[in-house]
C-alpha cells in the first residue's frame, strides 16, 4: 500500500469518471451511475484525498477494515458500503457500524440471521441480493433462476432488511462474452425486480466496469483503477 499524491489520484479519478461517462451515454443520457471507491488495498490518507477531490462513496470488503476506516475518517461525511462476504459471527459488528448499504447478502440463510439480529437491535439495513450470475463455485450468491423468488421471500419474511436491488461479480475469465452474459443475466433479473422496488443494479469492478455499465449497471465498485 502506497501513499499517492493528490494529482496522481486526480488523474486516476478523472480517467474512471471519463470512462463511466463514455459507457453511460451508450445506454442513455439519463442513465446515472454511482461510483463506489473500494479502499481495500489502499492507505486511509488516499481515501481522504479522494474525498477532497469530490468522491463521497467508499466500500470495504471486510467488517474489521470497514470499522477501522470509518473510525479513522469519522469527521468526513462519507457514504460507506460493505461489499465483501459477511460471516455470521460478524453480523452484530456490521449492524453497529450502520453502513449505508450492505451489497453482499448472498443467501436466504444469511438474510434470516441478519434480520433476527436487526430485530433485536431495533434497526434496519439497506441490502442488495448478491447473485452468482456466472455460476462459479468459488463465488457466493444465489443462483440466477432462484434470485427472483428469494428476493420476494426476503422482502416478505425479513422486514428489517430493506432490499434495494441486486449485485453480482462478473465472470472470472478473459472471455468478454462470458463476462457480458453474467452481467446481462443479472440485469434481466434486476429489470423484473423493479416492480418489487429494486433501484440498484451493482455490477462492475476495475477490470470490467465499462462493460457492466453498457449492460445496465447503475453502481460500480472500483478499487485498483483509482489507487494504481
Foldseek 3Di string as FASTA:
>chain_A
DDDDDLVLLLVLVVVVVVLLCVLQVLQPPPQAAAEEAECAPHDLVSVVSVVVVPRAHYEYADLVVQVVSCVVPVVDNHQYEHEHDDDLVCLLSNVVVQHQEYEEQADLVSLVSNLVSCVVVVAAHEYAFEEALLPDPVDGHHHLVCVLVSVVVSVVPRVRYHYAYHEYEFDPDPPVVRSLNSLLSRVVSRVVCVVVNHDAYEYEEPVCNSSSVNSPHRYYYYYPSSVD
